[in-house]
Amino acid sequence: RDKLLAPFEIKFDAPSKVELYLFGDNTFVVENINETAIDVSLDFAKIATATKTLTLPEDAASTLSKTGNSVKMHIEPNSLIVVEYK
């Protein structure tokens, strides 16, 4: 993961069976295909805001928080979070 994300200046810390999709210049999706809830962090070289725009399924109790240049998420089993950032 580190070598693939290095050109984007992103570090992704997540267990196995967690997928990261990058869309355009300001959107990413993190999908948890595990049967248990997980915690994930993404560290950026520079990030001003991060907003959760969609959670699937809609009733999943997944959370997102931003501290400095780091985004941390708690993602429920078999669910995903769509995030827009600047």
N, C-alpha and C. Protein backbone atom coordinates (compact mmCIF):
# COMPACT_ATOMS: atom_id res chain seq x y z
N ARG A 1 0.82 -1.19 0.00
CA ARG A 1 0.00 0.00 0.00
C ARG A 1 0.86 1.25 0.00
N ASP A 2 1.89 1.27 0.84
CA ASP A 2 2.71 2.47 0.95
C ASP A 2 3.37 2.84 -0.38
N LYS A 3 3.90 1.86 -1.09
CA LYS A 3 4.56 2.15 -2.37
C LYS A 3 3.58 2.64 -3.42
N LEU A 4 2.37 2.07 -3.46
CA LEU A 4 1.38 2.49 -4.43
C LEU A 4 0.84 3.89 -4.15
N LEU A 5 0.72 4.25 -2.87
CA LEU A 5 0.15 5.54 -2.50
C LEU A 5 1.18 6.65 -2.36
N ALA A 6 2.46 6.32 -2.37
CA ALA A 6 3.51 7.33 -2.20
C ALA A 6 3.41 8.49 -3.20
N PRO A 7 3.14 8.25 -4.50
CA PRO A 7 3.02 9.38 -5.43
C PRO A 7 1.87 10.34 -5.09
N PHE A 8 0.87 9.86 -4.36
CA PHE A 8 -0.27 10.69 -3.98
C PHE A 8 -0.06 11.35 -2.61
N GLU A 9 1.07 11.07 -1.98
CA GLU A 9 1.40 11.56 -0.65
C GLU A 9 0.33 11.20 0.38
N ILE A 10 -0.09 9.93 0.33
CA ILE A 10 -1.10 9.39 1.24
C ILE A 10 -0.54 8.13 1.89
N LYS A 11 -0.78 7.99 3.18
CA LYS A 11 -0.45 6.75 3.88
C LYS A 11 -1.76 6.16 4.40
N PHE A 12 -2.00 4.90 4.11
CA PHE A 12 -3.24 4.22 4.44
C PHE A 12 -2.94 3.11 5.43
N ASP A 13 -3.50 3.20 6.62
CA ASP A 13 -3.28 2.19 7.66
C ASP A 13 -4.62 1.51 7.93
N ALA A 14 -4.72 0.25 7.50
CA ALA A 14 -5.96 -0.51 7.65
C ALA A 14 -5.63 -2.00 7.65
N PRO A 15 -6.50 -2.80 8.27
CA PRO A 15 -6.29 -4.25 8.22
C PRO A 15 -6.56 -4.79 6.81
N SER A 16 -6.31 -6.06 6.62
CA SER A 16 -6.61 -6.68 5.33
C SER A 16 -8.13 -6.69 5.12
N LYS A 17 -8.53 -6.87 3.88
CA LYS A 17 -9.93 -6.86 3.47
C LYS A 17 -10.58 -5.48 3.64
N VAL A 18 -9.76 -4.44 3.52
CA VAL A 18 -10.25 -3.06 3.52
C VAL A 18 -9.72 -2.42 2.25
N GLU A 19 -10.62 -1.84 1.47
CA GLU A 19 -10.26 -1.31 0.17
C GLU A 19 -10.35 0.20 0.15
N LEU A 20 -9.42 0.83 -0.58
CA LEU A 20 -9.39 2.27 -0.76
C LEU A 20 -9.53 2.57 -2.24
N TYR A 21 -10.49 3.43 -2.57
CA TYR A 21 -10.70 3.86 -3.95
C TYR A 21 -10.55 5.38 -4.01
N LEU A 22 -9.72 5.88 -4.91
CA LEU A 22 -9.54 7.31 -5.10
C LEU A 22 -10.30 7.75 -6.34
N PHE A 23 -11.09 8.82 -6.20
CA PHE A 23 -11.88 9.35 -7.31
C PHE A 23 -11.56 10.82 -7.50
N GLY A 24 -11.14 11.20 -8.70
CA GLY A 24 -10.86 12.61 -8.98
C GLY A 24 -9.82 13.19 -8.04
N ASP A 25 -9.95 14.49 -7.79
CA ASP A 25 -8.97 15.18 -6.96
C ASP A 25 -9.39 15.32 -5.50
N ASN A 26 -10.65 14.97 -5.17
CA ASN A 26 -11.06 15.24 -3.81
C ASN A 26 -12.06 14.25 -3.22
N THR A 27 -12.11 13.03 -3.70
CA THR A 27 -13.04 12.04 -3.16
C THR A 27 -12.33 10.70 -3.00
N PHE A 28 -12.61 10.05 -1.88
CA PHE A 28 -12.14 8.67 -1.72
C PHE A 28 -13.23 7.86 -1.04
N VAL A 29 -13.15 6.54 -1.24
CA VAL A 29 -14.08 5.59 -0.64
C VAL A 29 -13.25 4.56 0.10
N VAL A 30 -13.66 4.23 1.32
CA VAL A 30 -13.05 3.14 2.07
C VAL A 30 -14.14 2.11 2.31
N GLU A 31 -13.87 0.88 1.87
CA GLU A 31 -14.85 -0.20 2.00
C GLU A 31 -14.29 -1.30 2.90
N ASN A 32 -15.09 -1.70 3.86
CA ASN A 32 -14.73 -2.78 4.78
C ASN A 32 -15.49 -4.03 4.36
N ILE A 33 -14.77 -5.04 3.87
CA ILE A 33 -15.43 -6.28 3.47
C ILE A 33 -15.22 -7.38 4.52
N ASN A 34 -14.77 -6.95 5.71
CA ASN A 34 -14.64 -7.87 6.85
C ASN A 34 -16.01 -8.12 7.48
N GLU A 35 -16.08 -9.13 8.30
CA GLU A 35 -17.29 -9.45 9.06
C GLU A 35 -17.30 -8.77 10.42
N THR A 36 -16.28 -7.97 10.70
CA THR A 36 -16.19 -7.22 11.96
C THR A 36 -15.89 -5.75 11.66
N ALA A 37 -16.22 -4.89 12.60
CA ALA A 37 -15.92 -3.47 12.47
C ALA A 37 -14.41 -3.26 12.55
N ILE A 38 -13.92 -2.21 11.88
CA ILE A 38 -12.48 -1.94 11.84
C ILE A 38 -12.23 -0.43 12.01
N ASP A 39 -10.98 -0.11 12.35
CA ASP A 39 -10.53 1.27 12.41
C ASP A 39 -9.49 1.50 11.34
N VAL A 40 -9.58 2.64 10.68
CA VAL A 40 -8.72 2.97 9.54
C VAL A 40 -8.19 4.38 9.74
N SER A 41 -6.97 4.64 9.26
CA SER A 41 -6.49 6.02 9.22
C SER A 41 -5.81 6.28 7.89
N LEU A 42 -6.01 7.49 7.40
CA LEU A 42 -5.34 7.98 6.21
C LEU A 42 -4.59 9.24 6.60
N ASP A 43 -3.30 9.27 6.28
CA ASP A 43 -2.48 10.44 6.55
C ASP A 43 -2.13 11.10 5.23
N PHE A 44 -2.41 12.39 5.12
CA PHE A 44 -2.16 13.16 3.92
C PHE A 44 -1.01 14.13 4.16
N ALA A 45 -0.32 14.56 3.08
CA ALA A 45 0.70 15.59 3.20
C ALA A 45 0.04 16.89 3.64
N LYS A 46 -1.15 17.16 3.10
CA LYS A 46 -1.90 18.36 3.47
C LYS A 46 -3.37 18.12 3.19
N ILE A 47 -4.21 18.39 4.18
CA ILE A 47 -5.65 18.26 4.02
C ILE A 47 -6.31 19.28 4.92
N ALA A 48 -7.26 20.04 4.37
CA ALA A 48 -7.94 21.09 5.15
C ALA A 48 -9.25 20.58 5.75
N THR A 49 -10.04 19.85 4.96
CA THR A 49 -11.33 19.36 5.43
C THR A 49 -11.56 17.94 4.95
N ALA A 50 -12.39 17.22 5.67
CA ALA A 50 -12.83 15.88 5.27
C ALA A 50 -14.26 15.72 5.75
N THR A 51 -15.16 15.42 4.81
CA THR A 51 -16.58 15.31 5.13
C THR A 51 -17.13 14.00 4.61
N LYS A 52 -17.77 13.25 5.48
CA LYS A 52 -18.44 12.01 5.07
C LYS A 52 -19.69 12.40 4.28
N THR A 53 -19.78 11.97 3.02
CA THR A 53 -20.92 12.33 2.17
C THR A 53 -21.90 11.19 1.98
N LEU A 54 -21.46 9.96 2.23
CA LEU A 54 -22.35 8.81 2.06
C LEU A 54 -21.81 7.64 2.86
N THR A 55 -22.72 6.89 3.46
CA THR A 55 -22.40 5.63 4.12
C THR A 55 -23.36 4.59 3.59
N LEU A 56 -22.82 3.45 3.20
CA LEU A 56 -23.66 2.34 2.75
C LEU A 56 -23.31 1.10 3.54
N PRO A 57 -24.28 0.39 4.07
CA PRO A 57 -25.68 0.75 4.07
C PRO A 57 -25.91 2.01 4.90
N GLU A 58 -27.01 2.68 4.63
CA GLU A 58 -27.29 3.97 5.26
C GLU A 58 -27.36 3.91 6.78
N ASP A 59 -27.78 2.77 7.33
CA ASP A 59 -27.92 2.66 8.78
C ASP A 59 -26.64 2.21 9.49
N ALA A 60 -25.54 2.07 8.76
CA ALA A 60 -24.27 1.68 9.39
C ALA A 60 -23.78 2.81 10.29
N ALA A 61 -23.33 2.47 11.46
CA ALA A 61 -22.88 3.45 12.44
C ALA A 61 -21.39 3.77 12.28
N SER A 62 -20.97 4.02 11.08
CA SER A 62 -19.57 4.34 10.81
C SER A 62 -19.31 5.81 11.13
N THR A 63 -18.08 6.11 11.60
CA THR A 63 -17.75 7.48 11.99
C THR A 63 -16.48 7.95 11.30
N LEU A 64 -16.31 9.27 11.24
CA LEU A 64 -15.14 9.89 10.64
C LEU A 64 -14.72 11.06 11.52
N SER A 65 -13.41 11.19 11.73
CA SER A 65 -12.88 12.36 12.42
C SER A 65 -11.58 12.79 11.75
N LYS A 66 -11.29 14.09 11.81
CA LYS A 66 -10.08 14.64 11.21
C LYS A 66 -9.29 15.37 12.27
N THR A 67 -8.01 15.08 12.36
CA THR A 67 -7.10 15.76 13.26
C THR A 67 -5.83 16.09 12.48
N GLY A 68 -5.54 17.37 12.33
CA GLY A 68 -4.37 17.75 11.55
C GLY A 68 -4.51 17.27 10.12
N ASN A 69 -3.54 16.52 9.64
CA ASN A 69 -3.56 15.98 8.29
C ASN A 69 -3.95 14.50 8.26
N SER A 70 -4.60 14.05 9.32
CA SER A 70 -4.99 12.66 9.45
C SER A 70 -6.51 12.52 9.51
N VAL A 71 -7.03 11.52 8.81
CA VAL A 71 -8.46 11.20 8.83
C VAL A 71 -8.59 9.80 9.42
N LYS A 72 -9.39 9.69 10.47
CA LYS A 72 -9.61 8.39 11.12
C LYS A 72 -11.07 8.00 10.96
N MET A 73 -11.30 6.71 10.70
CA MET A 73 -12.65 6.20 10.49
C MET A 73 -12.85 4.91 11.25
N HIS A 74 -14.05 4.73 11.74
CA HIS A 74 -14.50 3.47 12.30
C HIS A 74 -15.58 2.99 11.33
N ILE A 75 -15.36 1.83 10.73
CA ILE A 75 -16.26 1.36 9.68
C ILE A 75 -16.87 0.02 10.09
N GLU A 76 -18.17 -0.03 10.03
CA GLU A 76 -18.91 -1.23 10.38
C GLU A 76 -18.65 -2.36 9.38
N PRO A 77 -18.97 -3.60 9.73
CA PRO A 77 -18.75 -4.73 8.81
C PRO A 77 -19.54 -4.55 7.51
N ASN A 78 -18.94 -4.98 6.42
CA ASN A 78 -19.58 -4.99 5.11
C ASN A 78 -20.26 -3.66 4.78
N SER A 79 -19.51 -2.58 4.96
CA SER A 79 -20.03 -1.25 4.66
C SER A 79 -18.93 -0.38 4.08
N LEU A 80 -19.31 0.81 3.63
CA LEU A 80 -18.33 1.73 3.08
C LEU A 80 -18.67 3.16 3.44
N ILE A 81 -17.65 4.02 3.34
CA ILE A 81 -17.79 5.46 3.58
C ILE A 81 -17.24 6.20 2.36
N VAL A 82 -17.98 7.18 1.87
CA VAL A 82 -17.51 8.07 0.81
C VAL A 82 -17.14 9.39 1.48
N VAL A 83 -15.94 9.90 1.19
CA VAL A 83 -15.44 11.11 1.83
C VAL A 83 -14.99 12.09 0.76
N GLU A 84 -15.40 13.36 0.92
CA GLU A 84 -14.88 14.45 0.11
C GLU A 84 -13.91 15.24 0.96
N TYR A 85 -12.78 15.62 0.38
CA TYR A 85 -11.76 16.36 1.13
C TYR A 85 -11.16 17.46 0.27
N LYS A 86 -10.54 18.41 0.94
CA LYS A 86 -9.82 19.50 0.27
C LYS A 86 -8.48 19.68 0.90
